[in-house]
Amino acid sequence: MDADDLPAFFEKHDDEFLKFDRVENKLSQRPDLHAFLLLDKLVPGVRDMVSGTEHDEIHLSVEPSELVEVATEEQLIDLHRCGVRCGEYGLCMFA
Protein backbone atom coordinates (compact mmCIF):
# COMPACT_ATOMS: atom_id res chain seq x y z
CA MET A 1 0.00 0.00 0.00
CA ASP A 2 1.16 3.55 -0.60
CA ALA A 3 -0.07 6.83 0.85
CA ASP A 4 -2.48 7.39 -2.05
CA ASP A 5 -4.29 4.17 -1.07
CA LEU A 6 -4.81 5.21 2.56
CA PRO A 7 -8.06 7.20 2.08
CA ALA A 8 -9.63 4.23 0.25
CA PHE A 9 -8.36 1.87 2.96
CA PHE A 10 -10.02 3.97 5.66
CA GLU A 11 -13.19 4.20 3.58
CA LYS A 12 -13.21 0.41 3.18
CA HIS A 13 -13.02 0.11 6.98
CA ASP A 14 -15.46 2.93 7.71
CA ASP A 15 -17.49 0.59 9.93
CA GLU A 16 -14.50 0.65 12.33
CA PHE A 17 -14.36 4.47 12.59
CA LEU A 18 -14.57 5.59 16.23
CA LYS A 19 -15.02 2.01 17.50
CA PHE A 20 -12.29 2.33 20.13
CA ASP A 21 -13.82 -0.50 22.15
CA ARG A 22 -12.61 -2.87 19.41
CA VAL A 23 -8.93 -1.98 19.97
CA GLU A 24 -7.42 -4.98 21.74
CA ASN A 25 -4.03 -3.77 22.96
CA LYS A 26 -4.73 -0.28 24.23
CA LEU A 27 -1.76 1.95 25.01
CA SER A 28 -4.17 4.29 26.82
CA GLN A 29 -7.85 4.28 27.72
CA ARG A 30 -8.19 7.54 25.78
CA PRO A 31 -8.66 7.08 22.02
CA ASP A 32 -6.73 10.21 21.03
CA LEU A 33 -3.82 9.41 23.33
CA HIS A 34 -3.70 5.81 22.09
CA ALA A 35 -3.54 7.11 18.51
CA PHE A 36 -0.75 9.56 19.37
CA LEU A 37 1.27 6.89 21.19
CA LEU A 38 0.82 4.36 18.39
CA LEU A 39 1.76 6.92 15.73
CA ASP A 40 4.87 7.89 17.71
CA LYS A 41 5.82 4.23 18.10
CA LEU A 42 5.42 3.59 14.37
CA VAL A 43 6.93 6.86 13.09
CA PRO A 44 9.09 8.35 15.86
CA GLY A 45 9.71 12.05 15.71
CA VAL A 46 10.71 15.11 17.66
CA ARG A 47 8.01 17.54 16.50
CA ASP A 48 4.64 18.01 18.17
CA MET A 49 2.08 15.41 17.12
CA VAL A 50 -0.46 18.13 16.33
CA SER A 51 0.84 20.23 13.49
CA GLY A 52 -2.14 22.54 13.18
CA THR A 53 -5.85 23.03 13.63
CA GLU A 54 -8.69 24.21 11.50
CA HIS A 55 -12.31 24.48 12.64
CA ASP A 56 -13.01 21.22 14.59
CA GLU A 57 -10.08 19.33 13.09
CA ILE A 58 -6.53 18.73 14.25
CA HIS A 59 -3.82 17.95 11.71
CA LEU A 60 -1.21 15.37 12.65
CA SER A 61 2.48 15.73 11.85
CA VAL A 62 3.00 12.10 10.79
CA GLU A 63 3.33 11.79 7.03
CA PRO A 64 0.97 9.17 5.55
CA SER A 65 3.78 7.94 3.25
CA GLU A 66 5.97 7.15 6.26
CA LEU A 67 3.11 5.51 8.15
CA VAL A 68 2.08 3.09 5.41
CA GLU A 69 5.69 1.89 5.09
CA VAL A 70 5.71 0.53 8.65
CA ALA A 71 2.12 0.01 9.84
CA THR A 72 0.22 -3.24 9.58
CA GLU A 73 -3.37 -3.25 8.38
CA GLU A 74 -4.51 -3.96 11.94
CA GLN A 75 -2.58 -0.94 13.25
CA LEU A 76 -4.13 1.26 10.58
CA ILE A 77 -7.59 -0.02 11.51
CA ASP A 78 -6.83 0.67 15.18
CA LEU A 79 -5.87 4.24 14.28
CA HIS A 80 -9.17 4.59 12.42
CA ARG A 81 -10.95 3.20 15.49
CA CYS A 82 -9.40 6.11 17.40
CA GLY A 83 -10.70 8.64 14.90
CA VAL A 84 -7.66 9.08 12.66
CA ARG A 85 -8.60 9.74 9.05
CA CYS A 86 -7.17 11.27 5.90
CA GLY A 87 -8.00 14.89 5.29
CA GLU A 88 -7.04 17.46 2.71
CA TYR A 89 -3.61 18.00 4.29
CA GLY A 90 -2.79 14.49 5.54
CA LEU A 91 -3.70 12.64 8.69
CA CYS A 92 -6.21 14.34 10.94
CA MET A 93 -8.77 13.85 13.68
CA PHE A 94 -11.87 15.71 14.76
CA ALA A 95 -11.40 17.68 17.98
PDB file of N, CA and C in Angstrom:
ATOM      1  N   MET A   1       0.842  -1.173   0.000  1.00  0.00           N
ATOM      2  CA  MET A   1       0.000   0.000   0.000  1.00  0.00           C
ATOM      3  C   MET A   1       0.888   1.238   0.000  1.00  0.00           C
ATOM      4  N   ASP A   2       0.446   2.269  -0.688  1.00  0.00           N
ATOM      5  CA  ASP A   2       1.156   3.549  -0.602  1.00  0.00           C
ATOM      6  C   ASP A   2       0.197   4.602  -0.041  1.00  0.00           C
ATOM      7  N   ALA A   3       0.708   5.779   0.190  1.00  0.00           N
ATOM      8  CA  ALA A   3      -0.066   6.834   0.851  1.00  0.00           C
ATOM      9  C   ALA A   3      -1.330   7.197   0.072  1.00  0.00           C
ATOM     10  N   ASP A   4      -1.296   7.070  -1.246  1.00  0.00           N
ATOM     11  CA  ASP A   4      -2.477   7.386  -2.049  1.00  0.00           C
ATOM     12  C   ASP A   4      -3.614   6.394  -1.813  1.00  0.00           C
ATOM     13  N   ASP A   5      -3.282   5.198  -1.334  1.00  0.00           N
ATOM     14  CA  ASP A   5      -4.286   4.166  -1.068  1.00  0.00           C
ATOM     15  C   ASP A   5      -4.937   4.317   0.307  1.00  0.00           C
ATOM     16  N   LEU A   6      -4.344   5.116   1.181  1.00  0.00           N
ATOM     17  CA  LEU A   6      -4.813   5.206   2.558  1.00  0.00           C
ATOM     18  C   LEU A   6      -6.250   5.722   2.682  1.00  0.00           C
ATOM     19  N   PRO A   7      -6.653   6.769   1.966  1.00  0.00           N
ATOM     20  CA  PRO A   7      -8.061   7.197   2.077  1.00  0.00           C
ATOM     21  C   PRO A   7      -9.043   6.084   1.704  1.00  0.00           C
ATOM     22  N   ALA A   8      -8.749   5.332   0.648  1.00  0.00           N
ATOM     23  CA  ALA A   8      -9.629   4.229   0.249  1.00  0.00           C
ATOM     24  C   ALA A   8      -9.617   3.113   1.289  1.00  0.00           C
ATOM     25  N   PHE A   9      -8.460   2.877   1.899  1.00  0.00           N
ATOM     26  CA  PHE A   9      -8.363   1.867   2.958  1.00  0.00           C
ATOM     27  C   PHE A   9      -9.264   2.259   4.130  1.00  0.00           C
ATOM     28  N   PHE A  10      -9.174   3.520   4.559  1.00  0.00           N
ATOM     29  CA  PHE A  10     -10.020   3.974   5.663  1.00  0.00           C
ATOM     30  C   PHE A  10     -11.499   3.917   5.280  1.00  0.00           C
ATOM     31  N   GLU A  11     -11.800   4.262   4.039  1.00  0.00           N
ATOM     32  CA  GLU A  11     -13.189   4.198   3.585  1.00  0.00           C
ATOM     33  C   GLU A  11     -13.694   2.753   3.599  1.00  0.00           C
ATOM     34  N   LYS A  12     -12.850   1.825   3.181  1.00  0.00           N
ATOM     35  CA  LYS A  12     -13.214   0.408   3.184  1.00  0.00           C
ATOM     36  C   LYS A  12     -13.533  -0.065   4.603  1.00  0.00           C
ATOM     37  N   HIS A  13     -12.840   0.512   5.585  1.00  0.00           N
ATOM     38  CA  HIS A  13     -13.023   0.114   6.982  1.00  0.00           C
ATOM     39  C   HIS A  13     -13.798   1.172   7.763  1.00  0.00           C
ATOM     40  N   ASP A  14     -14.696   1.866   7.079  1.00  0.00           N
ATOM     41  CA  ASP A  14     -15.461   2.931   7.710  1.00  0.00           C
ATOM     42  C   ASP A  14     -16.328   2.425   8.862  1.00  0.00           C
ATOM     43  N   ASP A  15     -16.700   1.152   8.827  1.00  0.00           N
ATOM     44  CA  ASP A  15     -17.493   0.590   9.929  1.00  0.00           C
ATOM     45  C   ASP A  15     -16.680   0.472  11.221  1.00  0.00           C
ATOM     46  N   GLU A  16     -15.371   0.685  11.148  1.00  0.00           N
ATOM     47  CA  GLU A  16     -14.501   0.655  12.329  1.00  0.00           C
ATOM     48  C   GLU A  16     -14.245   2.054  12.893  1.00  0.00           C
ATOM     49  N   PHE A  17     -14.637   3.094  12.171  1.00  0.00           N
ATOM     50  CA  PHE A  17     -14.355   4.470  12.588  1.00  0.00           C
ATOM     51  C   PHE A  17     -14.993   4.753  13.943  1.00  0.00           C
ATOM     52  N   LEU A  18     -14.166   5.232  14.880  1.00  0.00           N
ATOM     53  CA  LEU A  18     -14.575   5.590  16.233  1.00  0.00           C
ATOM     54  C   LEU A  18     -15.115   4.408  17.041  1.00  0.00           C
ATOM     55  N   LYS A  19     -14.646   3.217  16.742  1.00  0.00           N
ATOM     56  CA  LYS A  19     -15.022   2.014  17.502  1.00  0.00           C
ATOM     57  C   LYS A  19     -13.863   1.616  18.410  1.00  0.00           C
ATOM     58  N   PHE A  20     -13.456   2.528  19.282  1.00  0.00           N
ATOM     59  CA  PHE A  20     -12.289   2.332  20.135  1.00  0.00           C
ATOM     60  C   PHE A  20     -12.418   1.084  21.005  1.00  0.00           C
ATOM     61  N   ASP A  21     -13.630   0.700  21.334  1.00  0.00           N
ATOM     62  CA  ASP A  21     -13.820  -0.496  22.153  1.00  0.00           C
ATOM     63  C   ASP A  21     -13.316  -1.760  21.459  1.00  0.00           C
ATOM     64  N   ARG A  22     -13.115  -1.715  20.164  1.00  0.00           N
ATOM     65  CA  ARG A  22     -12.612  -2.869  19.411  1.00  0.00           C
ATOM     66  C   ARG A  22     -11.086  -2.962  19.388  1.00  0.00           C
ATOM     67  N   VAL A  23     -10.391  -1.941  19.886  1.00  0.00           N
ATOM     68  CA  VAL A  23      -8.927  -1.977  19.968  1.00  0.00           C
ATOM     69  C   VAL A  23      -8.558  -2.949  21.081  1.00  0.00           C
ATOM     70  N   GLU A  24      -7.750  -3.950  20.751  1.00  0.00           N
ATOM     71  CA  GLU A  24      -7.425  -4.985  21.739  1.00  0.00           C
ATOM     72  C   GLU A  24      -6.288  -4.598  22.670  1.00  0.00           C
ATOM     73  N   ASN A  25      -5.202  -4.095  22.147  1.00  0.00           N
ATOM     74  CA  ASN A  25      -4.028  -3.773  22.962  1.00  0.00           C
ATOM     75  C   ASN A  25      -3.913  -2.262  23.119  1.00  0.00           C
ATOM     76  N   LYS A  26      -4.688  -1.725  24.041  1.00  0.00           N
ATOM     77  CA  LYS A  26      -4.734  -0.276  24.231  1.00  0.00           C
ATOM     78  C   LYS A  26      -3.479   0.225  24.935  1.00  0.00           C
ATOM     79  N   LEU A  27      -2.891   1.274  24.390  1.00  0.00           N
ATOM     80  CA  LEU A  27      -1.757   1.948  25.009  1.00  0.00           C
ATOM     81  C   LEU A  27      -2.245   2.995  26.000  1.00  0.00           C
ATOM     82  N   SER A  28      -3.518   3.343  25.924  1.00  0.00           N
ATOM     83  CA  SER A  28      -4.172   4.292  26.817  1.00  0.00           C
ATOM     84  C   SER A  28      -5.667   4.005  26.744  1.00  0.00           C
ATOM     85  N   GLN A  29      -6.391   4.412  27.743  1.00  0.00           N
ATOM     86  CA  GLN A  29      -7.849   4.280  27.718  1.00  0.00           C
ATOM     87  C   GLN A  29      -8.503   5.441  26.972  1.00  0.00           C
ATOM     88  N   ARG A  30      -7.697   6.390  26.538  1.00  0.00           N
ATOM     89  CA  ARG A  30      -8.191   7.538  25.780  1.00  0.00           C
ATOM     90  C   ARG A  30      -7.878   7.316  24.299  1.00  0.00           C
ATOM     91  N   PRO A  31      -8.894   7.351  23.442  1.00  0.00           N
ATOM     92  CA  PRO A  31      -8.656   7.084  22.019  1.00  0.00           C
ATOM     93  C   PRO A  31      -7.613   7.994  21.372  1.00  0.00           C
ATOM     94  N   ASP A  32      -7.676   9.298  21.661  1.00  0.00           N
ATOM     95  CA  ASP A  32      -6.725  10.207  21.025  1.00  0.00           C
ATOM     96  C   ASP A  32      -5.309   9.945  21.515  1.00  0.00           C
ATOM     97  N   LEU A  33      -5.149   9.684  22.796  1.00  0.00           N
ATOM     98  CA  LEU A  33      -3.821   9.411  23.334  1.00  0.00           C
ATOM     99  C   LEU A  33      -3.277   8.086  22.803  1.00  0.00           C
ATOM    100  N   HIS A  34      -4.140   7.084  22.679  1.00  0.00           N
ATOM    101  CA  HIS A  34      -3.703   5.813  22.089  1.00  0.00           C
ATOM    102  C   HIS A  34      -3.202   6.047  20.668  1.00  0.00           C
ATOM    103  N   ALA A  35      -3.946   6.820  19.897  1.00  0.00           N
ATOM    104  CA  ALA A  35      -3.540   7.105  18.512  1.00  0.00           C
ATOM    105  C   ALA A  35      -2.197   7.816  18.480  1.00  0.00           C
ATOM    106  N   PHE A  36      -2.017   8.822  19.336  1.00  0.00           N
ATOM    107  CA  PHE A  36      -0.754   9.556  19.369  1.00  0.00           C
ATOM    108  C   PHE A  36       0.405   8.640  19.744  1.00  0.00           C
ATOM    109  N   LEU A  37       0.204   7.801  20.753  1.00  0.00           N
ATOM    110  CA  LEU A  37       1.272   6.893  21.190  1.00  0.00           C
ATOM    111  C   LEU A  37       1.603   5.868  20.110  1.00  0.00           C
ATOM    112  N   LEU A  38       0.582   5.333  19.451  1.00  0.00           N
ATOM    113  CA  LEU A  38       0.823   4.359  18.389  1.00  0.00           C
ATOM    114  C   LEU A  38       1.532   5.020  17.204  1.00  0.00           C
ATOM    115  N   LEU A  39       1.093   6.210  16.828  1.00  0.00           N
ATOM    116  CA  LEU A  39       1.758   6.915  15.731  1.00  0.00           C
ATOM    117  C   LEU A  39       3.216   7.201  16.068  1.00  0.00           C
ATOM    118  N   ASP A  40       3.493   7.602  17.307  1.00  0.00           N
ATOM    119  CA  ASP A  40       4.866   7.891  17.707  1.00  0.00           C
ATOM    120  C   ASP A  40       5.715   6.624  17.735  1.00  0.00           C
ATOM    121  N   LYS A  41       5.104   5.514  18.102  1.00  0.00           N
ATOM    122  CA  LYS A  41       5.817   4.228  18.103  1.00  0.00           C
ATOM    123  C   LYS A  41       6.169   3.810  16.667  1.00  0.00           C
ATOM    124  N   LEU A  42       5.223   4.017  15.759  1.00  0.00           N
ATOM    125  CA  LEU A  42       5.424   3.593  14.369  1.00  0.00           C
ATOM    126  C   LEU A  42       6.335   4.542  13.599  1.00  0.00           C
ATOM    127  N   VAL A  43       6.158   5.838  13.809  1.00  0.00           N
ATOM    128  CA  VAL A  43       6.931   6.860  13.092  1.00  0.00           C
ATOM    129  C   VAL A  43       7.468   7.848  14.132  1.00  0.00           C
ATOM    130  N   PRO A  44       8.554   7.468  14.816  1.00  0.00           N
ATOM    131  CA  PRO A  44       9.095   8.346  15.864  1.00  0.00           C
ATOM    132  C   PRO A  44       9.490   9.703  15.293  1.00  0.00           C
ATOM    133  N   GLY A  45       9.351  10.704  16.133  1.00  0.00           N
ATOM    134  CA  GLY A  45       9.706  12.048  15.706  1.00  0.00           C
ATOM    135  C   GLY A  45      10.004  12.931  16.895  1.00  0.00           C
ATOM    136  N   VAL A  46      10.389  14.154  16.605  1.00  0.00           N
ATOM    137  CA  VAL A  46      10.706  15.109  17.662  1.00  0.00           C
ATOM    138  C   VAL A  46       9.784  16.333  17.621  1.00  0.00           C
ATOM    139  N   ARG A  47       8.952  16.422  16.596  1.00  0.00           N
ATOM    140  CA  ARG A  47       8.010  17.544  16.499  1.00  0.00           C
ATOM    141  C   ARG A  47       6.741  17.216  17.282  1.00  0.00           C
ATOM    142  N   ASP A  48       5.945  18.236  17.556  1.00  0.00           N
ATOM    143  CA  ASP A  48       4.642  18.014  18.170  1.00  0.00           C
ATOM    144  C   ASP A  48       3.799  17.115  17.275  1.00  0.00           C
ATOM    145  N   MET A  49       2.959  16.283  17.886  1.00  0.00           N
ATOM    146  CA  MET A  49       2.077  15.406  17.115  1.00  0.00           C
ATOM    147  C   MET A  49       1.033  16.229  16.354  1.00  0.00           C
ATOM    148  N   VAL A  50       0.526  17.263  16.980  1.00  0.00           N
ATOM    149  CA  VAL A  50      -0.463  18.126  16.334  1.00  0.00           C
ATOM    150  C   VAL A  50       0.285  19.230  15.598  1.00  0.00           C
ATOM    151  N   SER A  51       0.116  19.252  14.294  1.00  0.00           N
ATOM    152  CA  SER A  51       0.840  20.233  13.486  1.00  0.00           C
ATOM    153  C   SER A  51       0.009  21.470  13.187  1.00  0.00           C
ATOM    154  N   GLY A  52      -1.291  21.392  13.429  1.00  0.00           N
ATOM    155  CA  GLY A  52      -2.145  22.542  13.183  1.00  0.00           C
ATOM    156  C   GLY A  52      -3.594  22.201  13.461  1.00  0.00           C
ATOM    157  N   THR A  53      -4.420  23.217  13.421  1.00  0.00           N
ATOM    158  CA  THR A  53      -5.851  23.028  13.631  1.00  0.00           C
ATOM    159  C   THR A  53      -6.618  23.886  12.642  1.00  0.00           C
ATOM    160  N   GLU A  54      -7.816  23.445  12.368  1.00  0.00           N
ATOM    161  CA  GLU A  54      -8.694  24.213  11.496  1.00  0.00           C
ATOM    162  C   GLU A  54     -10.124  23.799  11.824  1.00  0.00           C
ATOM    163  N   HIS A  55     -10.924  24.742  12.233  1.00  0.00           N
ATOM    164  CA  HIS A  55     -12.306  24.481  12.642  1.00  0.00           C
ATOM    165  C   HIS A  55     -12.301  23.418  13.747  1.00  0.00           C
ATOM    166  N   ASP A  56     -12.937  22.277  13.559  1.00  0.00           N
ATOM    167  CA  ASP A  56     -13.008  21.223  14.590  1.00  0.00           C
ATOM    168  C   ASP A  56     -12.004  20.113  14.311  1.00  0.00           C
ATOM    169  N   GLU A  57     -10.974  20.382  13.559  1.00  0.00           N
ATOM    170  CA  GLU A  57     -10.076  19.333  13.094  1.00  0.00           C
ATOM    171  C   GLU A  57      -8.641  19.634  13.518  1.00  0.00           C
ATOM    172  N   ILE A  58      -7.956  18.589  13.973  1.00  0.00           N
ATOM    173  CA  ILE A  58      -6.526  18.730  14.245  1.00  0.00           C
ATOM    174  C   ILE A  58      -5.765  17.982  13.164  1.00  0.00           C
ATOM    175  N   HIS A  59      -4.671  18.560  12.723  1.00  0.00           N
ATOM    176  CA  HIS A  59      -3.823  17.953  11.709  1.00  0.00           C
ATOM    177  C   HIS A  59      -2.631  17.325  12.410  1.00  0.00           C
ATOM    178  N   LEU A  60      -2.287  16.117  12.010  1.00  0.00           N
ATOM    179  CA  LEU A  60      -1.211  15.370  12.647  1.00  0.00           C
ATOM    180  C   LEU A  60       0.070  15.476  11.832  1.00  0.00           C
ATOM    181  N   SER A  61       1.202  15.495  12.524  1.00  0.00           N
ATOM    182  CA  SER A  61       2.481  15.731  11.853  1.00  0.00           C
ATOM    183  C   SER A  61       3.058  14.485  11.179  1.00  0.00           C
ATOM    184  N   VAL A  62       2.487  13.329  11.403  1.00  0.00           N
ATOM    185  CA  VAL A  62       2.996  12.096  10.792  1.00  0.00           C
ATOM    186  C   VAL A  62       2.599  12.074   9.322  1.00  0.00           C
ATOM    187  N   GLU A  63       3.586  11.855   8.471  1.00  0.00           N
ATOM    188  CA  GLU A  63       3.334  11.789   7.031  1.00  0.00           C
ATOM    189  C   GLU A  63       2.707  10.436   6.672  1.00  0.00           C
ATOM    190  N   PRO A  64       1.594  10.431   5.942  1.00  0.00           N
ATOM    191  CA  PRO A  64       0.972   9.169   5.550  1.00  0.00           C
ATOM    192  C   PRO A  64       1.932   8.235   4.816  1.00  0.00           C
ATOM    193  N   SER A  65       2.830   8.784   3.999  1.00  0.00           N
ATOM    194  CA  SER A  65       3.778   7.942   3.247  1.00  0.00           C
ATOM    195  C   SER A  65       4.715   7.190   4.187  1.00  0.00           C
ATOM    196  N   GLU A  66       5.111   7.817   5.291  1.00  0.00           N
ATOM    197  CA  GLU A  66       5.968   7.152   6.265  1.00  0.00           C
ATOM    198  C   GLU A  66       5.179   6.110   7.059  1.00  0.00           C
ATOM    199  N   LEU A  67       3.937   6.423   7.377  1.00  0.00           N
ATOM    200  CA  LEU A  67       3.105   5.511   8.149  1.00  0.00           C
ATOM    201  C   LEU A  67       2.831   4.216   7.404  1.00  0.00           C
ATOM    202  N   VAL A  68       2.447   4.311   6.141  1.00  0.00           N
ATOM    203  CA  VAL A  68       2.079   3.088   5.408  1.00  0.00           C
ATOM    204  C   VAL A  68       3.279   2.180   5.163  1.00  0.00           C
ATOM    205  N   GLU A  69       4.484   2.719   5.252  1.00  0.00           N
ATOM    206  CA  GLU A  69       5.687   1.890   5.090  1.00  0.00           C
ATOM    207  C   GLU A  69       5.893   0.943   6.261  1.00  0.00           C
ATOM    208  N   VAL A  70       5.399   1.307   7.452  1.00  0.00           N
ATOM    209  CA  VAL A  70       5.711   0.535   8.652  1.00  0.00           C
ATOM    210  C   VAL A  70       4.490  -0.075   9.339  1.00  0.00           C
ATOM    211  N   ALA A  71       3.316   0.455   9.124  1.00  0.00           N
ATOM    212  CA  ALA A  71       2.120   0.008   9.845  1.00  0.00           C
ATOM    213  C   ALA A  71       1.513  -1.228   9.214  1.00  0.00           C
ATOM    214  N   THR A  72       0.997  -2.096  10.067  1.00  0.00           N
ATOM    215  CA  THR A  72       0.221  -3.235   9.583  1.00  0.00           C
ATOM    216  C   THR A  72      -1.208  -2.770   9.314  1.00  0.00           C
ATOM    217  N   GLU A  73      -1.972  -3.598   8.613  1.00  0.00           N
ATOM    218  CA  GLU A  73      -3.372  -3.252   8.378  1.00  0.00           C
ATOM    219  C   GLU A  73      -4.117  -3.125   9.697  1.00  0.00           C
ATOM    220  N   GLU A  74      -3.835  -4.016  10.645  1.00  0.00           N
ATOM    221  CA  GLU A  74      -4.514  -3.956  11.943  1.00  0.00           C
ATOM    222  C   GLU A  74      -4.181  -2.662  12.685  1.00  0.00           C
ATOM    223  N   GLN A  75      -2.950  -2.208  12.611  1.00  0.00           N
ATOM    224  CA  GLN A  75      -2.577  -0.942  13.254  1.00  0.00           C
ATOM    225  C   GLN A  75      -3.290   0.231  12.588  1.00  0.00           C
ATOM    226  N   LEU A  76      -3.404   0.201  11.279  1.00  0.00           N
ATOM    227  CA  LEU A  76      -4.133   1.263  10.576  1.00  0.00           C
ATOM    228  C   LEU A  76      -5.607   1.256  10.961  1.00  0.00           C
ATOM    229  N   ILE A  77      -6.188   0.075  11.084  1.00  0.00           N
ATOM    230  CA  ILE A  77      -7.585  -0.022  11.508  1.00  0.00           C
ATOM    231  C   ILE A  77      -7.735   0.500  12.934  1.00  0.00           C
ATOM    232  N   ASP A  78      -6.783   0.157  13.813  1.00  0.00           N
ATOM    233  CA  ASP A  78      -6.831   0.674  15.183  1.00  0.00           C
ATOM    234  C   ASP A  78      -6.762   2.195  15.198  1.00  0.00           C
ATOM    235  N   LEU A  79      -5.936   2.780  14.360  1.00  0.00           N
ATOM    236  CA  LEU A  79      -5.872   4.239  14.279  1.00  0.00           C
ATOM    237  C   LEU A  79      -7.219   4.814  13.839  1.00  0.00           C
ATOM    238  N   HIS A  80      -7.854   4.147  12.890  1.00  0.00           N
ATOM    239  CA  HIS A  80      -9.169   4.588  12.420  1.00  0.00           C
ATOM    240  C   HIS A  80     -10.202   4.441  13.534  1.00  0.00           C
ATOM    241  N   ARG A  81     -10.059   3.396  14.343  1.00  0.00           N
ATOM    242  CA  ARG A  81     -10.949   3.202  15.489  1.00  0.00           C
ATOM    243  C   ARG A  81     -10.804   4.334  16.502  1.00  0.00           C
ATOM    244  N   CYS A  82      -9.650   4.969  16.507  1.00  0.00           N
ATOM    245  CA  CYS A  82      -9.400   6.107  17.405  1.00  0.00           C
ATOM    246  C   CYS A  82      -9.861   7.427  16.808  1.00  0.00           C
ATOM    247  N   GLY A  83     -10.235   7.421  15.549  1.00  0.00           N
ATOM    248  CA  GLY A  83     -10.699   8.636  14.900  1.00  0.00           C
ATOM    249  C   GLY A  83      -9.731   9.237  13.904  1.00  0.00           C
ATOM    250  N   VAL A  84      -8.620   8.577  13.653  1.00  0.00           N
ATOM    251  CA  VAL A  84      -7.661   9.080  12.658  1.00  0.00           C
ATOM    252  C   VAL A  84      -8.254   8.850  11.269  1.00  0.00           C
ATOM    253  N   ARG A  85      -8.117   9.846  10.435  1.00  0.00           N
ATOM    254  CA  ARG A  85      -8.597   9.738   9.053  1.00  0.00           C
ATOM    255  C   ARG A  85      -7.689  10.563   8.157  1.00  0.00           C
ATOM    256  N   CYS A  86      -7.931  10.488   6.871  1.00  0.00           N
ATOM    257  CA  CYS A  86      -7.165  11.274   5.903  1.00  0.00           C
ATOM    258  C   CYS A  86      -7.985  12.504   5.534  1.00  0.00           C
ATOM    259  N   GLY A  87      -7.357  13.640   5.660  1.00  0.00           N
ATOM    260  CA  GLY A  87      -8.000  14.887   5.285  1.00  0.00           C
ATOM    261  C   GLY A  87      -7.281  15.510   4.111  1.00  0.00           C
ATOM    262  N   GLU A  88      -7.619  16.733   3.838  1.00  0.00           N
ATOM    263  CA  GLU A  88      -7.042  17.458   2.705  1.00  0.00           C
ATOM    264  C   GLU A  88      -5.529  17.622   2.831  1.00  0.00           C
ATOM    265  N   TYR A  89      -5.029  17.732   4.077  1.00  0.00           N
ATOM    266  CA  TYR A  89      -3.614  18.003   4.291  1.00  0.00           C
ATOM    267  C   TYR A  89      -2.867  16.841   4.919  1.00  0.00           C
ATOM    268  N   GLY A  90      -3.438  15.652   4.939  1.00  0.00           N
ATOM    269  CA  GLY A  90      -2.791  14.494   5.535  1.00  0.00           C
ATOM    270  C   GLY A  90      -3.644  13.904   6.640  1.00  0.00           C
ATOM    271  N   LEU A  91      -2.972  13.268   7.591  1.00  0.00           N
ATOM    272  CA  LEU A  91      -3.698  12.636   8.689  1.00  0.00           C
ATOM    273  C   LEU A  91      -4.314  13.680   9.592  1.00  0.00           C
ATOM    274  N   CYS A  92      -5.521  13.397  10.075  1.00  0.00           N
ATOM    275  CA  CYS A  92      -6.207  14.340  10.940  1.00  0.00           C
ATOM    276  C   CYS A  92      -7.196  13.609  11.827  1.00  0.00           C
ATOM    277  N   MET A  93      -7.730  14.340  12.775  1.00  0.00           N
ATOM    278  CA  MET A  93      -8.767  13.847  13.677  1.00  0.00           C
ATOM    279  C   MET A  93      -9.708  15.011  13.974  1.00  0.00           C
ATOM    280  N   PHE A  94     -10.956  14.676  14.285  1.00  0.00           N
ATOM    281  CA  PHE A  94     -11.871  15.708  14.763  1.00  0.00           C
ATOM    282  C   PHE A  94     -11.528  16.021  16.213  1.00  0.00           C
ATOM    283  N   ALA A  95     -11.673  17.275  16.595  1.00  0.00           N
ATOM    284  CA  ALA A  95     -11.398  17.682  17.984  1.00  0.00           C
ATOM    285  C   ALA A  95     -12.557  17.287  18.866  1.00  0.00           C
TER     286      ALA A  95
END
